[in-house]
PDB file of N, CA and C in Angstrom:
ATOM      1  N   MET A   1     150.461 116.376  87.043  1.00  0.00           N
ATOM      2  CA  MET A   1     150.771 115.845  85.986  1.00  0.00           C
ATOM      3  C   MET A   1     150.880 114.449  85.949  1.00  0.00           C
ATOM      4  N   ASN A   2     150.301 113.619  85.606  1.00  0.00           N
ATOM      5  CA  ASN A   2     150.020 112.291  85.501  1.00  0.00           C
ATOM      6  C   ASN A   2     151.174 111.430  84.619  1.00  0.00           C
ATOM      7  N   THR A   3     151.488 110.402  85.298  1.00  0.00           N
ATOM      8  CA  THR A   3     152.588 109.836  84.583  1.00  0.00           C
ATOM      9  C   THR A   3     151.866 108.120  84.286  1.00  0.00           C
ATOM     10  N   TYR A   4     152.625 107.501  82.993  1.00  0.00           N
ATOM     11  CA  TYR A   4     152.099 106.168  82.434  1.00  0.00           C
ATOM     12  C   TYR A   4     152.602 105.030  82.256  1.00  0.00           C
ATOM     13  N   GLU A   5     152.212 104.204  82.891  1.00  0.00           N
ATOM     14  CA  GLU A   5     153.124 102.790  82.638  1.00  0.00           C
ATOM     15  C   GLU A   5     152.064 101.717  81.493  1.00  0.00           C
ATOM     16  N   TYR A   6     152.606 101.654  80.553  1.00  0.00           N
ATOM     17  CA  TYR A   6     152.125 100.930  79.590  1.00  0.00           C
ATOM     18  C   TYR A   6     152.664  99.287  79.858  1.00  0.00           C
ATOM     19  N   LYS A   7     151.495  98.414  79.373  1.00  0.00           N
ATOM     20  CA  LYS A   7     151.853  96.949  79.603  1.00  0.00           C
ATOM     21  C   LYS A   7     151.111  95.978  78.302  1.00  0.00           C
ATOM     22  N   VAL A   8     151.949  95.847  77.466  1.00  0.00           N
ATOM     23  CA  VAL A   8     151.214  94.727  76.425  1.00  0.00           C
ATOM     24  C   VAL A   8     151.051  93.487  77.189  1.00  0.00           C
ATOM     25  N   THR A   9     150.075  93.099  76.699  1.00  0.00           N
ATOM     26  CA  THR A   9     149.477  91.992  77.242  1.00  0.00           C
ATOM     27  C   THR A   9     149.074  90.747  76.370  1.00  0.00           C
ATOM     28  N   ASN A  10     148.857  91.164  74.808  1.00  0.00           N
ATOM     29  CA  ASN A  10     148.894  90.003  73.908  1.00  0.00           C
ATOM     30  C   ASN A  10     149.024  91.048  72.571  1.00  0.00           C
ATOM     31  N   LEU A  11     149.190  90.083  71.420  1.00  0.00           N
ATOM     32  CA  LEU A  11     149.503  90.724  70.176  1.00  0.00           C
ATOM     33  C   LEU A  11     149.068  89.746  69.069  1.00  0.00           C
ATOM     34  N   ILE A  12     148.382  90.153  67.996  1.00  0.00           N
ATOM     35  CA  ILE A  12     147.373  89.857  67.264  1.00  0.00           C
ATOM     36  C   ILE A  12     147.885  89.889  66.134  1.00  0.00           C
ATOM     37  N   ARG A  13     148.463  89.015  65.285  1.00  0.00           N
ATOM     38  CA  ARG A  13     149.180  88.933  64.019  1.00  0.00           C
ATOM     39  C   ARG A  13     148.254  88.359  63.003  1.00  0.00           C
ATOM     40  N   ASN A  14     148.752  88.735  61.606  1.00  0.00           N
ATOM     41  CA  ASN A  14     148.468  88.058  60.363  1.00  0.00           C
ATOM     42  C   ASN A  14     149.032  86.613  60.190  1.00  0.00           C
ATOM     43  N   PRO A  15     148.561  86.179  58.921  1.00  0.00           N
ATOM     44  CA  PRO A  15     149.390  84.858  58.680  1.00  0.00           C
ATOM     45  C   PRO A  15     150.778  85.110  58.222  1.00  0.00           C
ATOM     46  N   ASP A  16     151.240  85.997  58.082  1.00  0.00           N
ATOM     47  CA  ASP A  16     152.552  86.507  57.779  1.00  0.00           C
ATOM     48  C   ASP A  16     153.516  86.950  58.992  1.00  0.00           C
ATOM     49  N   GLY A  17     152.717  87.143  59.885  1.00  0.00           N
ATOM     50  CA  GLY A  17     153.392  87.457  60.969  1.00  0.00           C
ATOM     51  C   GLY A  17     153.208  88.643  61.716  1.00  0.00           C
ATOM     52  N   ILE A  18     152.737  89.621  61.012  1.00  0.00           N
ATOM     53  CA  ILE A  18     152.551  90.908  61.310  1.00  0.00           C
ATOM     54  C   ILE A  18     151.712  91.395  62.304  1.00  0.00           C
ATOM     55  N   VAL A  19     151.875  92.089  62.980  1.00  0.00           N
ATOM     56  CA  VAL A  19     151.006  92.594  64.201  1.00  0.00           C
ATOM     57  C   VAL A  19     149.874  93.578  63.779  1.00  0.00           C
ATOM     58  N   ALA A  20     148.737  93.299  63.855  1.00  0.00           N
ATOM     59  CA  ALA A  20     147.673  93.961  63.272  1.00  0.00           C
ATOM     60  C   ALA A  20     146.936  94.777  64.554  1.00  0.00           C
ATOM     61  N   THR A  21     146.968  93.922  65.426  1.00  0.00           N
ATOM     62  CA  THR A  21     146.159  94.301  66.392  1.00  0.00           C
ATOM     63  C   THR A  21     146.977  94.690  67.899  1.00  0.00           C
ATOM     64  N   THR A  22     147.059  95.020  68.752  1.00  0.00           N
ATOM     65  CA  THR A  22     147.501  94.711  70.370  1.00  0.00           C
ATOM     66  C   THR A  22     146.693  95.039  71.165  1.00  0.00           C
ATOM     67  N   GLN A  23     146.753  94.501  72.367  1.00  0.00           N
ATOM     68  CA  GLN A  23     145.832  94.253  73.755  1.00  0.00           C
ATOM     69  C   GLN A  23     146.903  94.940  74.429  1.00  0.00           C
ATOM     70  N   PHE A  24     146.596  96.036  75.227  1.00  0.00           N
ATOM     71  CA  PHE A  24     147.670  96.610  76.386  1.00  0.00           C
ATOM     72  C   PHE A  24     146.385  97.330  77.503  1.00  0.00           C
ATOM     73  N   SER A  25     147.453  97.606  78.147  1.00  0.00           N
ATOM     74  CA  SER A  25     146.492  98.732  79.524  1.00  0.00           C
ATOM     75  C   SER A  25     147.681  99.994  79.902  1.00  0.00           C
ATOM     76  N   ILE A  26     147.167 100.398  80.165  1.00  0.00           N
ATOM     77  CA  ILE A  26     148.018 102.166  80.809  1.00  0.00           C
ATOM     78  C   ILE A  26     147.286 102.164  82.275  1.00  0.00           C
ATOM     79  N   THR A  27     148.618 102.256  82.885  1.00  0.00           N
ATOM     80  CA  THR A  27     148.165 102.639  84.594  1.00  0.00           C
ATOM     81  C   THR A  27     148.570 104.249  84.692  1.00  0.00           C
ATOM     82  N   ALA A  28     147.613 105.110  84.807  1.00  0.00           N
ATOM     83  CA  ALA A  28     147.939 106.165  84.796  1.00  0.00           C
ATOM     84  C   ALA A  28     147.927 106.681  86.293  1.00  0.00           C
ATOM     85  N   SER A  29     148.973 107.607  86.817  1.00  0.00           N
ATOM     86  CA  SER A  29     149.251 107.337  88.184  1.00  0.00           C
ATOM     87  C   SER A  29     149.344 109.113  88.424  1.00  0.00           C
ATOM     88  N   GLU A  30     149.070 109.616  89.283  1.00  0.00           N
ATOM     89  CA  GLU A  30     149.483 111.142  89.550  1.00  0.00           C
ATOM     90  C   GLU A  30     149.764 110.961  91.151  1.00  0.00           C
ATOM     91  N   GLY A  31     150.433 110.096  91.706  1.00  0.00           N
ATOM     92  CA  GLY A  31     151.294 110.082  92.531  1.00  0.00           C
ATOM     93  C   GLY A  31     150.887 109.444  93.757  1.00  0.00           C
ATOM     94  N   VAL A  32     149.556 109.925  93.825  1.00  0.00           N
ATOM     95  CA  VAL A  32     148.773 109.137  95.202  1.00  0.00           C
ATOM     96  C   VAL A  32     147.812 107.690  94.711  1.00  0.00           C
ATOM     97  N   ASP A  33     146.739 108.354  93.756  1.00  0.00           N
ATOM     98  CA  ASP A  33     145.839 107.336  93.261  1.00  0.00           C
ATOM     99  C   ASP A  33     146.327 107.105  91.601  1.00  0.00           C
ATOM    100  N   SER A  34     146.079 105.632  91.426  1.00  0.00           N
ATOM    101  CA  SER A  34     146.146 105.146  90.004  1.00  0.00           C
ATOM    102  C   SER A  34     144.868 104.492  89.273  1.00  0.00           C
ATOM    103  N   PHE A  35     145.154 104.531  88.173  1.00  0.00           N
ATOM    104  CA  PHE A  35     144.105 103.589  87.856  1.00  0.00           C
ATOM    105  C   PHE A  35     144.243 102.739  86.167  1.00  0.00           C
ATOM    106  N   THR A  36     143.902 101.580  86.278  1.00  0.00           N
ATOM    107  CA  THR A  36     144.599 100.948  85.296  1.00  0.00           C
ATOM    108  C   THR A  36     143.161 100.466  84.221  1.00  0.00           C
ATOM    109  N   HIS A  37     143.384 101.283  82.927  1.00  0.00           N
ATOM    110  CA  HIS A  37     142.510 101.048  81.654  1.00  0.00           C
ATOM    111  C   HIS A  37     143.312  99.792  80.464  1.00  0.00           C
ATOM    112  N   ASN A  38     142.504  99.009  80.127  1.00  0.00           N
ATOM    113  CA  ASN A  38     142.756  97.913  79.095  1.00  0.00           C
ATOM    114  C   ASN A  38     142.342  98.421  77.744  1.00  0.00           C
ATOM    115  N   TYR A  39     142.917  98.226  76.685  1.00  0.00           N
ATOM    116  CA  TYR A  39     142.717  98.437  75.368  1.00  0.00           C
ATOM    117  C   TYR A  39     143.105  97.492  74.348  1.00  0.00           C
ATOM    118  N   ASN A  40     142.148  98.022  73.309  1.00  0.00           N
ATOM    119  CA  ASN A  40     142.700  97.253  72.209  1.00  0.00           C
ATOM    120  C   ASN A  40     143.036  98.092  70.966  1.00  0.00           C
ATOM    121  N   PHE A  41     143.994  97.887  70.399  1.00  0.00           N
ATOM    122  CA  PHE A  41     144.355  99.031  69.149  1.00  0.00           C
ATOM    123  C   PHE A  41     144.613  98.330  67.822  1.00  0.00           C
ATOM    124  N   GLY A  42     143.696  98.856  66.576  1.00  0.00           N
ATOM    125  CA  GLY A  42     144.317  98.006  65.574  1.00  0.00           C
ATOM    126  C   GLY A  42     145.802  99.236  64.835  1.00  0.00           C
ATOM    127  N   PHE A  43     146.825  98.581  64.138  1.00  0.00           N
ATOM    128  CA  PHE A  43     147.509  99.479  63.527  1.00  0.00           C
ATOM    129  C   PHE A  43     147.255  99.885  62.357  1.00  0.00           C
ATOM    130  N   ALA A  44     146.940 101.108  61.911  1.00  0.00           N
ATOM    131  CA  ALA A  44     146.744 101.851  60.865  1.00  0.00           C
ATOM    132  C   ALA A  44     147.922 101.438  59.458  1.00  0.00           C
ATOM    133  N   ASN A  45     148.896 101.798  60.511  1.00  0.00           N
ATOM    134  CA  ASN A  45     150.384 101.816  59.408  1.00  0.00           C
ATOM    135  C   ASN A  45     151.078 100.862  59.899  1.00  0.00           C
ATOM    136  N   LYS A  46     151.471 100.262  58.748  1.00  0.00           N
ATOM    137  CA  LYS A  46     152.699  98.984  58.606  1.00  0.00           C
ATOM    138  C   LYS A  46     154.046  99.916  59.549  1.00  0.00           C
ATOM    139  N   PRO A  47     154.656  98.873  60.422  1.00  0.00           N
ATOM    140  CA  PRO A  47     155.787  99.488  60.803  1.00  0.00           C
ATOM    141  C   PRO A  47     156.850  99.940  59.487  1.00  0.00           C
ATOM    142  N   VAL A  48     157.803 100.675  59.804  1.00  0.00           N
ATOM    143  CA  VAL A  48     158.786 101.254  58.803  1.00  0.00           C
ATOM    144  C   VAL A  48     159.257 100.088  58.211  1.00  0.00           C
ATOM    145  N   THR A  49     160.067  99.605  59.397  1.00  0.00           N
ATOM    146  CA  THR A  49     160.856  98.275  58.880  1.00  0.00           C
ATOM    147  C   THR A  49     160.280  97.294  59.678  1.00  0.00           C
ATOM    148  N   PRO A  50     159.525  96.627  58.782  1.00  0.00           N
ATOM    149  CA  PRO A  50     158.634  95.545  59.512  1.00  0.00           C
ATOM    150  C   PRO A  50     159.807  94.279  60.609  1.00  0.00           C
ATOM    151  N   THR A  51     159.120  94.087  61.498  1.00  0.00           N
ATOM    152  CA  THR A  51     160.180  93.228  62.626  1.00  0.00           C
ATOM    153  C   THR A  51     159.867  91.880  62.706  1.00  0.00           C
ATOM    154  N   ALA A  52     160.635  90.504  62.649  1.00  0.00           N
ATOM    155  CA  ALA A  52     159.774  89.400  62.708  1.00  0.00           C
ATOM    156  C   ALA A  52     159.381  89.300  64.339  1.00  0.00           C
ATOM    157  N   PHE A  53     158.237  88.395  64.434  1.00  0.00           N
ATOM    158  CA  PHE A  53     157.515  88.324  65.447  1.00  0.00           C
ATOM    159  C   PHE A  53     158.198  88.024  66.573  1.00  0.00           C
ATOM    160  N   ASN A  54     159.269  87.173  66.535  1.00  0.00           N
ATOM    161  CA  ASN A  54     160.236  86.590  67.663  1.00  0.00           C
ATOM    162  C   ASN A  54     160.951  87.709  68.025  1.00  0.00           C
ATOM    163  N   ASP A  55     161.075  88.426  67.462  1.00  0.00           N
ATOM    164  CA  ASP A  55     162.347  89.750  67.558  1.00  0.00           C
ATOM    165  C   ASP A  55     161.621  91.100  68.175  1.00  0.00           C
ATOM    166  N   LEU A  56     160.301  90.560  68.184  1.00  0.00           N
ATOM    167  CA  LEU A  56     159.759  91.933  69.170  1.00  0.00           C
ATOM    168  C   LEU A  56     160.113  92.230  70.350  1.00  0.00           C
ATOM    169  N   THR A  57     160.177  93.254  70.867  1.00  0.00           N
ATOM    170  CA  THR A  57     160.206  93.653  72.001  1.00  0.00           C
ATOM    171  C   THR A  57     158.968  94.519  72.659  1.00  0.00           C
ATOM    172  N   GLU A  58     158.676  94.319  73.891  1.00  0.00           N
ATOM    173  CA  GLU A  58     157.569  95.311  74.350  1.00  0.00           C
ATOM    174  C   GLU A  58     157.749  96.854  74.373  1.00  0.00           C
ATOM    175  N   ALA A  59     158.967  97.044  74.771  1.00  0.00           N
ATOM    176  CA  ALA A  59     159.054  98.588  74.291  1.00  0.00           C
ATOM    177  C   ALA A  59     159.092  98.892  72.855  1.00  0.00           C
ATOM    178  N   LYS A  60     159.338  98.321  71.845  1.00  0.00           N
ATOM    179  CA  LYS A  60     158.974  98.176  70.228  1.00  0.00           C
ATOM    180  C   LYS A  60     157.825  98.396  70.212  1.00  0.00           C
ATOM    181  N   VAL A  61     156.601  97.827  70.545  1.00  0.00           N
ATOM    182  CA  VAL A  61     155.314  97.818  70.542  1.00  0.00           C
ATOM    183  C   VAL A  61     154.722  98.919  70.897  1.00  0.00           C
ATOM    184  N   ILE A  62     155.070  99.482  72.415  1.00  0.00           N
ATOM    185  CA  ILE A  62     154.776 100.769  73.065  1.00  0.00           C
ATOM    186  C   ILE A  62     154.896 101.726  71.932  1.00  0.00           C
ATOM    187  N   GLU A  63     156.119 101.608  71.576  1.00  0.00           N
ATOM    188  CA  GLU A  63     156.538 102.844  70.357  1.00  0.00           C
ATOM    189  C   GLU A  63     155.713 102.963  69.481  1.00  0.00           C
ATOM    190  N   TRP A  64     155.170 101.806  68.951  1.00  0.00           N
ATOM    191  CA  TRP A  64     154.231 101.710  67.674  1.00  0.00           C
ATOM    192  C   TRP A  64     152.796 102.034  68.202  1.00  0.00           C
ATOM    193  N   ILE A  65     152.630 101.929  69.393  1.00  0.00           N
ATOM    194  CA  ILE A  65     151.182 102.283  69.999  1.00  0.00           C
ATOM    195  C   ILE A  65     151.297 103.776  70.081  1.00  0.00           C
ATOM    196  N   LYS A  66     152.138 104.315  70.655  1.00  0.00           N
ATOM    197  CA  LYS A  66     152.739 105.700  71.010  1.00  0.00           C
ATOM    198  C   LYS A  66     152.491 106.554  69.519  1.00  0.00           C
ATOM    199  N   ARG A  67     153.243 106.193  68.469  1.00  0.00           N
ATOM    200  CA  ARG A  67     153.317 106.511  66.945  1.00  0.00           C
ATOM    201  C   ARG A  67     152.072 106.775  66.541  1.00  0.00           C
ATOM    202  N   ASP A  68     151.321 105.681  66.757  1.00  0.00           N
ATOM    203  CA  ASP A  68     149.744 105.979  65.607  1.00  0.00           C
ATOM    204  C   ASP A  68     149.019 106.389  66.694  1.00  0.00           C
ATOM    205  N   SER A  69     149.312 106.682  68.102  1.00  0.00           N
ATOM    206  CA  SER A  69     148.016 107.573  68.890  1.00  0.00           C
ATOM    207  C   SER A  69     147.929 109.102  68.313  1.00  0.00           C
ATOM    208  N   GLY A  70     148.752 109.560  67.426  1.00  0.00           N
ATOM    209  CA  GLY A  70     148.614 110.799  67.325  1.00  0.00           C
ATOM    210  C   GLY A  70     149.478 111.606  68.055  1.00  0.00           C
ATOM    211  N   ALA A  71     149.236 113.072  67.682  1.00  0.00           N
ATOM    212  CA  ALA A  71     150.188 113.657  68.644  1.00  0.00           C
ATOM    213  C   ALA A  71     149.551 114.168  69.936  1.00  0.00           C
ATOM    214  N   GLU A  72     148.603 114.144  69.819  1.00  0.00           N
ATOM    215  CA  GLU A  72     147.648 114.037  71.567  1.00  0.00           C
ATOM    216  C   GLU A  72     147.369 112.686  71.887  1.00  0.00           C
ATOM    217  N   ASN A  73     148.068 111.933  72.416  1.00  0.00           N
ATOM    218  CA  ASN A  73     147.834 110.403  72.786  1.00  0.00           C
ATOM    219  C   ASN A  73     146.298 110.208  73.244  1.00  0.00           C
ATOM    220  N   GLN A  74     145.746 109.618  72.332  1.00  0.00           N
ATOM    221  CA  GLN A  74     144.077 109.137  72.641  1.00  0.00           C
ATOM    222  C   GLN A  74     143.866 108.167  73.983  1.00  0.00           C
ATOM    223  N   HIS A  75     145.026 107.393  74.034  1.00  0.00           N
ATOM    224  CA  HIS A  75     145.324 106.463  75.075  1.00  0.00           C
ATOM    225  C   HIS A  75     145.340 107.244  76.090  1.00  0.00           C
ATOM    226  N   GLU A  76     146.390 108.064  76.401  1.00  0.00           N
ATOM    227  CA  GLU A  76     147.011 108.592  77.673  1.00  0.00           C
ATOM    228  C   GLU A  76     145.569 109.528  77.880  1.00  0.00           C
ATOM    229  N   ALA A  77     144.871 110.438  77.027  1.00  0.00           N
ATOM    230  CA  ALA A  77     143.924 111.110  77.426  1.00  0.00           C
ATOM    231  C   ALA A  77     142.717 110.198  78.027  1.00  0.00           C
ATOM    232  N   SER A  78     142.620 109.105  77.585  1.00  0.00           N
ATOM    233  CA  SER A  78     141.627 108.601  77.798  1.00  0.00           C
ATOM    234  C   SER A  78     142.083 107.754  79.169  1.00  0.00           C
ATOM    235  N   ALA A  79     142.904 107.894  79.757  1.00  0.00           N
ATOM    236  CA  ALA A  79     143.504 107.091  80.657  1.00  0.00           C
ATOM    237  C   ALA A  79     143.497 108.092  81.886  1.00  0.00           C
ATOM    238  N   ASP A  80     143.682 109.479  81.713  1.00  0.00           N
ATOM    239  CA  ASP A  80     143.606 110.316  82.508  1.00  0.00           C
ATOM    240  C   ASP A  80     141.913 111.057  82.586  1.00  0.00           C
ATOM    241  N   ALA A  81     140.873 110.277  81.943  1.00  0.00           N
ATOM    242  CA  ALA A  81     139.720 110.793  82.292  1.00  0.00           C
ATOM    243  C   ALA A  81     139.222 109.609  82.886  1.00  0.00           C
ATOM    244  N   GLU A  82     139.985 108.318  82.670  1.00  0.00           N
ATOM    245  CA  GLU A  82     139.385 107.469  83.899  1.00  0.00           C
ATOM    246  C   GLU A  82     139.758 107.476  85.239  1.00  0.00           C
ATOM    247  N   LEU A  83     141.383 108.072  85.322  1.00  0.00           N
ATOM    248  CA  LEU A  83     141.268 108.216  86.907  1.00  0.00           C
ATOM    249  C   LEU A  83     140.763 109.163  87.146  1.00  0.00           C
ATOM    250  N   ALA A  84     140.619 110.460  86.525  1.00  0.00           N
ATOM    251  CA  ALA A  84     139.594 111.637  86.995  1.00  0.00           C
ATOM    252  C   ALA A  84     138.443 111.026  87.787  1.00  0.00           C
ATOM    253  N   ALA A  85     137.667 110.301  86.737  1.00  0.00           N
ATOM    254  CA  ALA A  85     136.494 109.828  87.238  1.00  0.00           C
ATOM    255  C   ALA A  85     136.565 108.902  88.552  1.00  0.00           C
ATOM    256  N   TRP A  86     137.542 107.786  88.100  1.00  0.00           N
ATOM    257  CA  TRP A  86     137.834 107.185  89.755  1.00  0.00           C
ATOM    258  C   TRP A  86     138.054 107.807  91.070  1.00  0.00           C
ATOM    259  N   LYS A  87     138.536 108.891  91.090  1.00  0.00           N
ATOM    260  CA  LYS A  87     138.874 109.564  92.157  1.00  0.00           C
ATOM    261  C   LYS A  87     137.780 110.383  92.569  1.00  0.00           C
ATOM    262  N   LEU A  88     136.811 110.680  91.512  1.00  0.00           N
ATOM    263  CA  LEU A  88     135.440 111.101  92.172  1.00  0.00           C
ATOM    264  C   LEU A  88     134.502 110.183  92.530  1.00  0.00           C
ATOM    265  N   ARG A  89     134.769 108.863  92.023  1.00  0.00           N
ATOM    266  CA  ARG A  89     133.765 107.597  92.443  1.00  0.00           C
ATOM    267  C   ARG A  89     134.286 107.517  94.202  1.00  0.00           C
ATOM    268  N   LYS A  90     135.651 107.418  94.435  1.00  0.00           N
ATOM    269  CA  LYS A  90     136.127 107.200  95.398  1.00  0.00           C
ATOM    270  C   LYS A  90     135.676 108.237  96.301  1.00  0.00           C
ATOM    271  N   ALA A  91     135.783 109.661  96.230  1.00  0.00           N
ATOM    272  CA  ALA A  91     135.518 110.569  97.427  1.00  0.00           C
ATOM    273  C   ALA A  91     134.168 110.547  97.679  1.00  0.00           C
ATOM    274  N   ALA A  92     132.960 109.911  96.640  1.00  0.00           N
ATOM    275  CA  ALA A  92     131.617 110.099  96.891  1.00  0.00           C
ATOM    276  C   ALA A  92     131.055 108.787  96.207  1.00  0.00           C
ATOM    277  N   PRO A  93     131.296 107.874  97.026  1.00  0.00           N
ATOM    278  CA  PRO A  93     130.554 106.564  96.470  1.00  0.00           C
ATOM    279  C   PRO A  93     129.297 106.854  96.409  1.00  0.00           C
ATOM    280  N   VAL A  94     128.944 105.792  95.062  1.00  0.00           N
ATOM    281  CA  VAL A  94     127.106 105.699  94.764  1.00  0.00           C
ATOM    282  C   VAL A  94     126.585 104.575  95.290  1.00  0.00           C
ATOM    283  N   VAL A  95     127.775 103.669  94.903  1.00  0.00           N
ATOM    284  CA  VAL A  95     127.345 102.350  95.414  1.00  0.00           C
ATOM    285  C   VAL A  95     128.202 101.282  96.748  1.00  0.00           C
ATOM    286  N   THR A  96     127.504 100.757  97.408  1.00  0.00           N
ATOM    287  CA  THR A  96     128.420 100.251  98.232  1.00  0.00           C
ATOM    288  C   THR A  96     128.148  98.453  97.765  1.00  0.00           C
ATOM    289  N   ALA A  97     129.083  97.918  98.531  1.00  0.00           N
ATOM    290  CA  ALA A  97     129.122  96.048  98.122  1.00  0.00           C
ATOM    291  C   ALA A  97     129.266  95.592  99.666  1.00  0.00           C
ATOM    292  N   GLY A  98     129.016  94.230  99.322  1.00  0.00           N
ATOM    293  CA  GLY A  98     129.370  93.411 100.610  1.00  0.00           C
ATOM    294  C   GLY A  98     128.174  92.523 100.821  1.00  0.00           C
ATOM    295  N   VAL A  99     128.156  91.906 102.088  1.00  0.00           N
ATOM    296  CA  VAL A  99     127.397  91.002 102.674  1.00  0.00           C
ATOM    297  C   VAL A  99     127.067  91.082 103.927  1.00  0.00           C
ATOM    298  N   PRO A 100     126.102  91.239 104.757  1.00  0.00           N
ATOM    299  CA  PRO A 100     125.516  91.162 105.841  1.00  0.00           C
ATOM    300  C   PRO A 100     126.011  90.258 106.772  1.00  0.00           C
ATOM    301  N   TRP A 101     126.629  89.356 106.563  1.00  0.00           N
ATOM    302  CA  TRP A 101     126.995  88.189 107.198  1.00  0.00           C
ATOM    303  C   TRP A 101     128.554  87.927 107.805  1.00  0.00           C
TER     304      TRP A 101
END
């Protein structure tokens, strides 16, 4: 079972100060390996009680993200897939990088 750490990196708001889009990352971790993926998410629903921009907290915005992501959180599912793909690439690298000097 993976664990998730959310980090809000930017809030895009309309002229009334209502947040319309958030930019954030999720780090999915399964104990040994972890992978961080960045997202942009537009809110389809306004918050039940609008909150003044200066009164927002990261926890409140993360609550909105999770609420609007649906019953099966699409962002966590995507983070799971990214972590699984990263673990495959790590186990059998298909490219290498570096310089000969």
